[in-house]
Amino acid sequence: MGEVGHGAEASTVGVPHQQEATFEEAMQLDPNTLERINALKKAKNQAVQSDDYDEAQRLKEAIERLRSIGTHLA
């Protein structure tokens, strides 16, 4: 119980780390691409929670392709 000072850290336990766009993504990609990446991340996290790892892998690859294309377009 000596971890009272770590409230902010404790609140993120169990929360997927990549649901929202990272700062780097926000700086490199347009808002529409960021919105689509966030939607794909959410779907990927739901697939993982449902133990649908094939779908999660497919979504991960889609996110990577979209990042790559979005960066080149920007």
PDB file of N, CA and C in Angstrom:
ATOM      1  N   MET A   1       0.811  -1.187   0.000  1.00  0.00           N
ATOM      2  CA  MET A   1       0.000   0.000   0.000  1.00  0.00           C
ATOM      3  C   MET A   1       0.853   1.248   0.000  1.00  0.00           C
ATOM      4  N   GLY A   2       2.154   1.094  -0.098  1.00  0.00           N
ATOM      5  CA  GLY A   2       3.032   2.239  -0.116  1.00  0.00           C
ATOM      6  C   GLY A   2       3.091   2.901  -1.472  1.00  0.00           C
ATOM      7  N   GLU A   3       2.230   2.505  -2.406  1.00  0.00           N
ATOM      8  CA  GLU A   3       2.270   3.065  -3.748  1.00  0.00           C
ATOM      9  C   GLU A   3       1.162   4.070  -3.993  1.00  0.00           C
ATOM     10  N   VAL A   4       0.768   4.782  -2.980  1.00  0.00           N
ATOM     11  CA  VAL A   4      -0.300   5.774  -3.112  1.00  0.00           C
ATOM     12  C   VAL A   4       0.091   6.863  -4.095  1.00  0.00           C
ATOM     13  N   GLY A   5       1.337   7.225  -4.161  1.00  0.00           N
ATOM     14  CA  GLY A   5       1.811   8.286  -5.047  1.00  0.00           C
ATOM     15  C   GLY A   5       1.829   7.891  -6.506  1.00  0.00           C
ATOM     16  N   HIS A   6       1.481   6.649  -6.829  1.00  0.00           N
ATOM     17  CA  HIS A   6       1.540   6.191  -8.216  1.00  0.00           C
ATOM     18  C   HIS A   6       0.156   6.054  -8.826  1.00  0.00           C
ATOM     19  N   GLY A   7      -0.772   6.896  -8.435  1.00  0.00           N
ATOM     20  CA  GLY A   7      -2.148   6.816  -8.909  1.00  0.00           C
ATOM     21  C   GLY A   7      -2.277   6.933 -10.415  1.00  0.00           C
ATOM     22  N   ALA A   8      -1.526   7.825 -11.035  1.00  0.00           N
ATOM     23  CA  ALA A   8      -1.627   8.006 -12.476  1.00  0.00           C
ATOM     24  C   ALA A   8      -1.156   6.764 -13.202  1.00  0.00           C
ATOM     25  N   GLU A   9      -0.100   6.144 -12.699  1.00  0.00           N
ATOM     26  CA  GLU A   9       0.396   4.929 -13.331  1.00  0.00           C
ATOM     27  C   GLU A   9      -0.586   3.789 -13.142  1.00  0.00           C
ATOM     28  N   ALA A  10      -1.142   3.655 -11.971  1.00  0.00           N
ATOM     29  CA  ALA A  10      -2.055   2.565 -11.684  1.00  0.00           C
ATOM     30  C   ALA A  10      -3.312   2.661 -12.544  1.00  0.00           C
ATOM     31  N   SER A  11      -3.733   3.871 -12.901  1.00  0.00           N
ATOM     32  CA  SER A  11      -4.944   4.018 -13.686  1.00  0.00           C
ATOM     33  C   SER A  11      -4.764   3.546 -15.125  1.00  0.00           C
ATOM     34  N   THR A  12      -3.535   3.388 -15.588  1.00  0.00           N
ATOM     35  CA  THR A  12      -3.306   2.947 -16.956  1.00  0.00           C
ATOM     36  C   THR A  12      -3.069   1.443 -17.053  1.00  0.00           C
ATOM     37  N   VAL A  13      -3.059   0.752 -15.930  1.00  0.00           N
ATOM     38  CA  VAL A  13      -2.833  -0.686 -15.947  1.00  0.00           C
ATOM     39  C   VAL A  13      -3.992  -1.351 -16.661  1.00  0.00           C
ATOM     40  N   GLY A  14      -3.673  -2.213 -17.610  1.00  0.00           N
ATOM     41  CA  GLY A  14      -4.698  -2.928 -18.344  1.00  0.00           C
ATOM     42  C   GLY A  14      -5.266  -2.163 -19.530  1.00  0.00           C
ATOM     43  N   VAL A  15      -4.865  -0.927 -19.708  1.00  0.00           N
ATOM     44  CA  VAL A  15      -5.337  -0.122 -20.836  1.00  0.00           C
ATOM     45  C   VAL A  15      -4.325  -0.249 -21.960  1.00  0.00           C
ATOM     46  N   PRO A  16      -4.770  -0.639 -23.162  1.00  0.00           N
ATOM     47  CA  PRO A  16      -3.827  -0.744 -24.285  1.00  0.00           C
ATOM     48  C   PRO A  16      -3.104   0.575 -24.501  1.00  0.00           C
ATOM     49  N   HIS A  17      -1.826   0.495 -24.782  1.00  0.00           N
ATOM     50  CA  HIS A  17      -0.999   1.690 -24.883  1.00  0.00           C
ATOM     51  C   HIS A  17      -1.154   2.426 -26.206  1.00  0.00           C
ATOM     52  N   GLN A  18      -1.699   1.795 -27.230  1.00  0.00           N
ATOM     53  CA  GLN A  18      -1.712   2.436 -28.531  1.00  0.00           C
ATOM     54  C   GLN A  18      -3.114   2.677 -29.057  1.00  0.00           C
ATOM     55  N   GLN A  19      -4.040   3.066 -28.216  1.00  0.00           N
ATOM     56  CA  GLN A  19      -5.372   3.347 -28.704  1.00  0.00           C
ATOM     57  C   GLN A  19      -5.433   4.695 -29.405  1.00  0.00           C
ATOM     58  N   GLU A  20      -4.676   5.633 -28.950  1.00  0.00           N
ATOM     59  CA  GLU A  20      -4.679   6.957 -29.557  1.00  0.00           C
ATOM     60  C   GLU A  20      -3.387   7.161 -30.338  1.00  0.00           C
ATOM     61  N   ALA A  21      -3.426   8.114 -31.230  1.00  0.00           N
ATOM     62  CA  ALA A  21      -2.247   8.420 -32.030  1.00  0.00           C
ATOM     63  C   ALA A  21      -1.123   8.935 -31.140  1.00  0.00           C
ATOM     64  N   THR A  22       0.068   8.542 -31.476  1.00  0.00           N
ATOM     65  CA  THR A  22       1.221   9.050 -30.754  1.00  0.00           C
ATOM     66  C   THR A  22       1.520  10.466 -31.234  1.00  0.00           C
ATOM     67  N   PHE A  23       2.334  11.170 -30.478  1.00  0.00           N
ATOM     68  CA  PHE A  23       2.716  12.529 -30.857  1.00  0.00           C
ATOM     69  C   PHE A  23       3.389  12.530 -32.227  1.00  0.00           C
ATOM     70  N   GLU A  24       4.241  11.541 -32.468  1.00  0.00           N
ATOM     71  CA  GLU A  24       4.943  11.458 -33.749  1.00  0.00           C
ATOM     72  C   GLU A  24       3.952  11.292 -34.898  1.00  0.00           C
ATOM     73  N   GLU A  25       2.939  10.436 -34.692  1.00  0.00           N
ATOM     74  CA  GLU A  25       1.932  10.248 -35.727  1.00  0.00           C
ATOM     75  C   GLU A  25       1.176  11.542 -35.980  1.00  0.00           C
ATOM     76  N   ALA A  26       0.813  12.224 -34.911  1.00  0.00           N
ATOM     77  CA  ALA A  26       0.059  13.472 -35.045  1.00  0.00           C
ATOM     78  C   ALA A  26       0.847  14.515 -35.823  1.00  0.00           C
ATOM     79  N   MET A  27       2.152  14.513 -35.669  1.00  0.00           N
ATOM     80  CA  MET A  27       2.978  15.494 -36.364  1.00  0.00           C
ATOM     81  C   MET A  27       3.218  15.117 -37.827  1.00  0.00           C
ATOM     82  N   GLN A  28       3.118  13.836 -38.154  1.00  0.00           N
ATOM     83  CA  GLN A  28       3.470  13.382 -39.499  1.00  0.00           C
ATOM     84  C   GLN A  28       2.276  13.092 -40.397  1.00  0.00           C
ATOM     85  N   LEU A  29       1.082  12.954 -39.826  1.00  0.00           N
ATOM     86  CA  LEU A  29      -0.053  12.500 -40.613  1.00  0.00           C
ATOM     87  C   LEU A  29      -1.203  13.502 -40.570  1.00  0.00           C
ATOM     88  N   ASP A  30      -2.024  13.473 -41.610  1.00  0.00           N
ATOM     89  CA  ASP A  30      -3.178  14.364 -41.657  1.00  0.00           C
ATOM     90  C   ASP A  30      -4.283  13.827 -40.725  1.00  0.00           C
ATOM     91  N   PRO A  31      -5.227  14.678 -40.348  1.00  0.00           N
ATOM     92  CA  PRO A  31      -6.271  14.280 -39.390  1.00  0.00           C
ATOM     93  C   PRO A  31      -7.105  13.077 -39.840  1.00  0.00           C
ATOM     94  N   ASN A  32      -7.406  12.967 -41.118  1.00  0.00           N
ATOM     95  CA  ASN A  32      -8.195  11.828 -41.603  1.00  0.00           C
ATOM     96  C   ASN A  32      -7.441  10.518 -41.448  1.00  0.00           C
ATOM     97  N   THR A  33      -6.156  10.534 -41.743  1.00  0.00           N
ATOM     98  CA  THR A  33      -5.344   9.340 -41.586  1.00  0.00           C
ATOM     99  C   THR A  33      -5.230   8.968 -40.118  1.00  0.00           C
ATOM    100  N   LEU A  34      -5.042   9.958 -39.255  1.00  0.00           N
ATOM    101  CA  LEU A  34      -4.975   9.701 -37.813  1.00  0.00           C
ATOM    102  C   LEU A  34      -6.273   9.077 -37.302  1.00  0.00           C
ATOM    103  N   GLU A  35      -7.391   9.585 -37.780  1.00  0.00           N
ATOM    104  CA  GLU A  35      -8.692   9.053 -37.365  1.00  0.00           C
ATOM    105  C   GLU A  35      -8.828   7.586 -37.769  1.00  0.00           C
ATOM    106  N   ARG A  36      -8.407   7.271 -38.974  1.00  0.00           N
ATOM    107  CA  ARG A  36      -8.492   5.880 -39.465  1.00  0.00           C
ATOM    108  C   ARG A  36      -7.546   4.974 -38.676  1.00  0.00           C
ATOM    109  N   ILE A  37      -6.343   5.448 -38.377  1.00  0.00           N
ATOM    110  CA  ILE A  37      -5.389   4.660 -37.591  1.00  0.00           C
ATOM    111  C   ILE A  37      -5.966   4.386 -36.205  1.00  0.00           C
ATOM    112  N   ASN A  38      -6.564   5.388 -35.582  1.00  0.00           N
ATOM    113  CA  ASN A  38      -7.161   5.191 -34.263  1.00  0.00           C
ATOM    114  C   ASN A  38      -8.286   4.163 -34.310  1.00  0.00           C
ATOM    115  N   ALA A  39      -9.098   4.195 -35.362  1.00  0.00           N
ATOM    116  CA  ALA A  39     -10.179   3.216 -35.503  1.00  0.00           C
ATOM    117  C   ALA A  39      -9.614   1.809 -35.680  1.00  0.00           C
ATOM    118  N   LEU A  40      -8.552   1.685 -36.459  1.00  0.00           N
ATOM    119  CA  LEU A  40      -7.919   0.386 -36.656  1.00  0.00           C
ATOM    120  C   LEU A  40      -7.281  -0.129 -35.368  1.00  0.00           C
ATOM    121  N   LYS A  41      -6.670   0.767 -34.595  1.00  0.00           N
ATOM    122  CA  LYS A  41      -6.080   0.368 -33.314  1.00  0.00           C
ATOM    123  C   LYS A  41      -7.154  -0.144 -32.359  1.00  0.00           C
ATOM    124  N   LYS A  42      -8.285   0.539 -32.343  1.00  0.00           N
ATOM    125  CA  LYS A  42      -9.380   0.112 -31.472  1.00  0.00           C
ATOM    126  C   LYS A  42      -9.886  -1.265 -31.895  1.00  0.00           C
ATOM    127  N   ALA A  43     -10.056  -1.461 -33.190  1.00  0.00           N
ATOM    128  CA  ALA A  43     -10.507  -2.760 -33.695  1.00  0.00           C
ATOM    129  C   ALA A  43      -9.486  -3.853 -33.392  1.00  0.00           C
ATOM    130  N   LYS A  44      -8.199  -3.513 -33.501  1.00  0.00           N
ATOM    131  CA  LYS A  44      -7.145  -4.489 -33.199  1.00  0.00           C
ATOM    132  C   LYS A  44      -7.186  -4.882 -31.731  1.00  0.00           C
ATOM    133  N   ASN A  45      -7.348  -3.912 -30.855  1.00  0.00           N
ATOM    134  CA  ASN A  45      -7.423  -4.205 -29.423  1.00  0.00           C
ATOM    135  C   ASN A  45      -8.630  -5.068 -29.100  1.00  0.00           C
ATOM    136  N   GLN A  46      -9.758  -4.814 -29.768  1.00  0.00           N
ATOM    137  CA  GLN A  46     -10.948  -5.637 -29.557  1.00  0.00           C
ATOM    138  C   GLN A  46     -10.710  -7.065 -30.048  1.00  0.00           C
ATOM    139  N   ALA A  47     -10.004  -7.202 -31.165  1.00  0.00           N
ATOM    140  CA  ALA A  47      -9.693  -8.536 -31.687  1.00  0.00           C
ATOM    141  C   ALA A  47      -8.805  -9.305 -30.704  1.00  0.00           C
ATOM    142  N   VAL A  48      -7.823  -8.619 -30.123  1.00  0.00           N
ATOM    143  CA  VAL A  48      -6.946  -9.263 -29.139  1.00  0.00           C
ATOM    144  C   VAL A  48      -7.757  -9.701 -27.923  1.00  0.00           C
ATOM    145  N   GLN A  49      -8.639  -8.827 -27.452  1.00  0.00           N
ATOM    146  CA  GLN A  49      -9.459  -9.170 -26.291  1.00  0.00           C
ATOM    147  C   GLN A  49     -10.375 -10.356 -26.587  1.00  0.00           C
ATOM    148  N   SER A  50     -10.757 -10.531 -27.851  1.00  0.00           N
ATOM    149  CA  SER A  50     -11.612 -11.648 -28.254  1.00  0.00           C
ATOM    150  C   SER A  50     -10.797 -12.875 -28.646  1.00  0.00           C
ATOM    151  N   ASP A  51      -9.488 -12.804 -28.452  1.00  0.00           N
ATOM    152  CA  ASP A  51      -8.567 -13.887 -28.815  1.00  0.00           C
ATOM    153  C   ASP A  51      -8.580 -14.202 -30.312  1.00  0.00           C
ATOM    154  N   ASP A  52      -8.888 -13.220 -31.137  1.00  0.00           N
ATOM    155  CA  ASP A  52      -8.866 -13.374 -32.591  1.00  0.00           C
ATOM    156  C   ASP A  52      -7.540 -12.811 -33.100  1.00  0.00           C
ATOM    157  N   TYR A  53      -6.500 -13.607 -32.922  1.00  0.00           N
ATOM    158  CA  TYR A  53      -5.148 -13.116 -33.201  1.00  0.00           C
ATOM    159  C   TYR A  53      -4.860 -12.974 -34.691  1.00  0.00           C
ATOM    160  N   ASP A  54      -5.530 -13.754 -35.521  1.00  0.00           N
ATOM    161  CA  ASP A  54      -5.350 -13.585 -36.969  1.00  0.00           C
ATOM    162  C   ASP A  54      -5.874 -12.217 -37.409  1.00  0.00           C
ATOM    163  N   GLU A  55      -7.038 -11.851 -36.900  1.00  0.00           N
ATOM    164  CA  GLU A  55      -7.610 -10.540 -37.222  1.00  0.00           C
ATOM    165  C   GLU A  55      -6.747  -9.420 -36.646  1.00  0.00           C
ATOM    166  N   ALA A  56      -6.249  -9.608 -35.431  1.00  0.00           N
ATOM    167  CA  ALA A  56      -5.384  -8.601 -34.814  1.00  0.00           C
ATOM    168  C   ALA A  56      -4.124  -8.394 -35.654  1.00  0.00           C
ATOM    169  N   GLN A  57      -3.560  -9.475 -36.165  1.00  0.00           N
ATOM    170  CA  GLN A  57      -2.362  -9.376 -37.009  1.00  0.00           C
ATOM    171  C   GLN A  57      -2.683  -8.647 -38.306  1.00  0.00           C
ATOM    172  N   ARG A  58      -3.831  -8.960 -38.901  1.00  0.00           N
ATOM    173  CA  ARG A  58      -4.240  -8.303 -40.141  1.00  0.00           C
ATOM    174  C   ARG A  58      -4.416  -6.797 -39.912  1.00  0.00           C
ATOM    175  N   LEU A  59      -5.031  -6.442 -38.795  1.00  0.00           N
ATOM    176  CA  LEU A  59      -5.233  -5.029 -38.474  1.00  0.00           C
ATOM    177  C   LEU A  59      -3.913  -4.332 -38.180  1.00  0.00           C
ATOM    178  N   LYS A  60      -3.006  -5.019 -37.510  1.00  0.00           N
ATOM    179  CA  LYS A  60      -1.689  -4.444 -37.232  1.00  0.00           C
ATOM    180  C   LYS A  60      -0.968  -4.116 -38.542  1.00  0.00           C
ATOM    181  N   GLU A  61      -1.032  -5.036 -39.495  1.00  0.00           N
ATOM    182  CA  GLU A  61      -0.392  -4.803 -40.786  1.00  0.00           C
ATOM    183  C   GLU A  61      -1.060  -3.652 -41.534  1.00  0.00           C
ATOM    184  N   ALA A  62      -2.379  -3.541 -41.416  1.00  0.00           N
ATOM    185  CA  ALA A  62      -3.095  -2.431 -42.061  1.00  0.00           C
ATOM    186  C   ALA A  62      -2.667  -1.103 -41.454  1.00  0.00           C
ATOM    187  N   ILE A  63      -2.495  -1.068 -40.134  1.00  0.00           N
ATOM    188  CA  ILE A  63      -2.044   0.150 -39.449  1.00  0.00           C
ATOM    189  C   ILE A  63      -0.655   0.538 -39.954  1.00  0.00           C
ATOM    190  N   GLU A  64       0.232  -0.434 -40.066  1.00  0.00           N
ATOM    191  CA  GLU A  64       1.597  -0.150 -40.528  1.00  0.00           C
ATOM    192  C   GLU A  64       1.598   0.369 -41.959  1.00  0.00           C
ATOM    193  N   ARG A  65       0.768  -0.229 -42.828  1.00  0.00           N
ATOM    194  CA  ARG A  65       0.684   0.241 -44.223  1.00  0.00           C
ATOM    195  C   ARG A  65       0.139   1.664 -44.282  1.00  0.00           C
ATOM    196  N   LEU A  66      -0.896   1.922 -43.496  1.00  0.00           N
ATOM    197  CA  LEU A  66      -1.501   3.257 -43.493  1.00  0.00           C
ATOM    198  C   LEU A  66      -0.520   4.303 -42.976  1.00  0.00           C
ATOM    199  N   ARG A  67       0.249   3.965 -41.941  1.00  0.00           N
ATOM    200  CA  ARG A  67       1.271   4.895 -41.444  1.00  0.00           C
ATOM    201  C   ARG A  67       2.292   5.202 -42.535  1.00  0.00           C
ATOM    202  N   SER A  68       2.751   4.170 -43.206  1.00  0.00           N
ATOM    203  CA  SER A  68       3.760   4.339 -44.240  1.00  0.00           C
ATOM    204  C   SER A  68       3.240   5.202 -45.391  1.00  0.00           C
ATOM    205  N   ILE A  69       2.064   4.895 -45.862  1.00  0.00           N
ATOM    206  CA  ILE A  69       1.471   5.665 -46.965  1.00  0.00           C
ATOM    207  C   ILE A  69       1.181   7.088 -46.523  1.00  0.00           C
ATOM    208  N   GLY A  70       0.613   7.241 -45.325  1.00  0.00           N
ATOM    209  CA  GLY A  70       0.298   8.571 -44.811  1.00  0.00           C
ATOM    210  C   GLY A  70       1.514   9.454 -44.653  1.00  0.00           C
ATOM    211  N   THR A  71       2.608   8.869 -44.210  1.00  0.00           N
ATOM    212  CA  THR A  71       3.853   9.623 -44.059  1.00  0.00           C
ATOM    213  C   THR A  71       4.368  10.084 -45.411  1.00  0.00           C
ATOM    214  N   HIS A  72       4.294   9.220 -46.407  1.00  0.00           N
ATOM    215  CA  HIS A  72       4.762   9.604 -47.746  1.00  0.00           C
ATOM    216  C   HIS A  72       3.880  10.689 -48.355  1.00  0.00           C
ATOM    217  N   LEU A  73       2.587  10.612 -48.096  1.00  0.00           N
ATOM    218  CA  LEU A  73       1.678  11.623 -48.646  1.00  0.00           C
ATOM    219  C   LEU A  73       1.878  12.984 -47.979  1.00  0.00           C
ATOM    220  N   ALA A  74       2.178  12.955 -46.692  1.00  0.00           N
ATOM    221  CA  ALA A  74       2.384  14.216 -45.982  1.00  0.00           C
ATOM    222  C   ALA A  74       3.642  14.887 -46.475  1.00  0.00           C
TER     223      ALA A  74
END
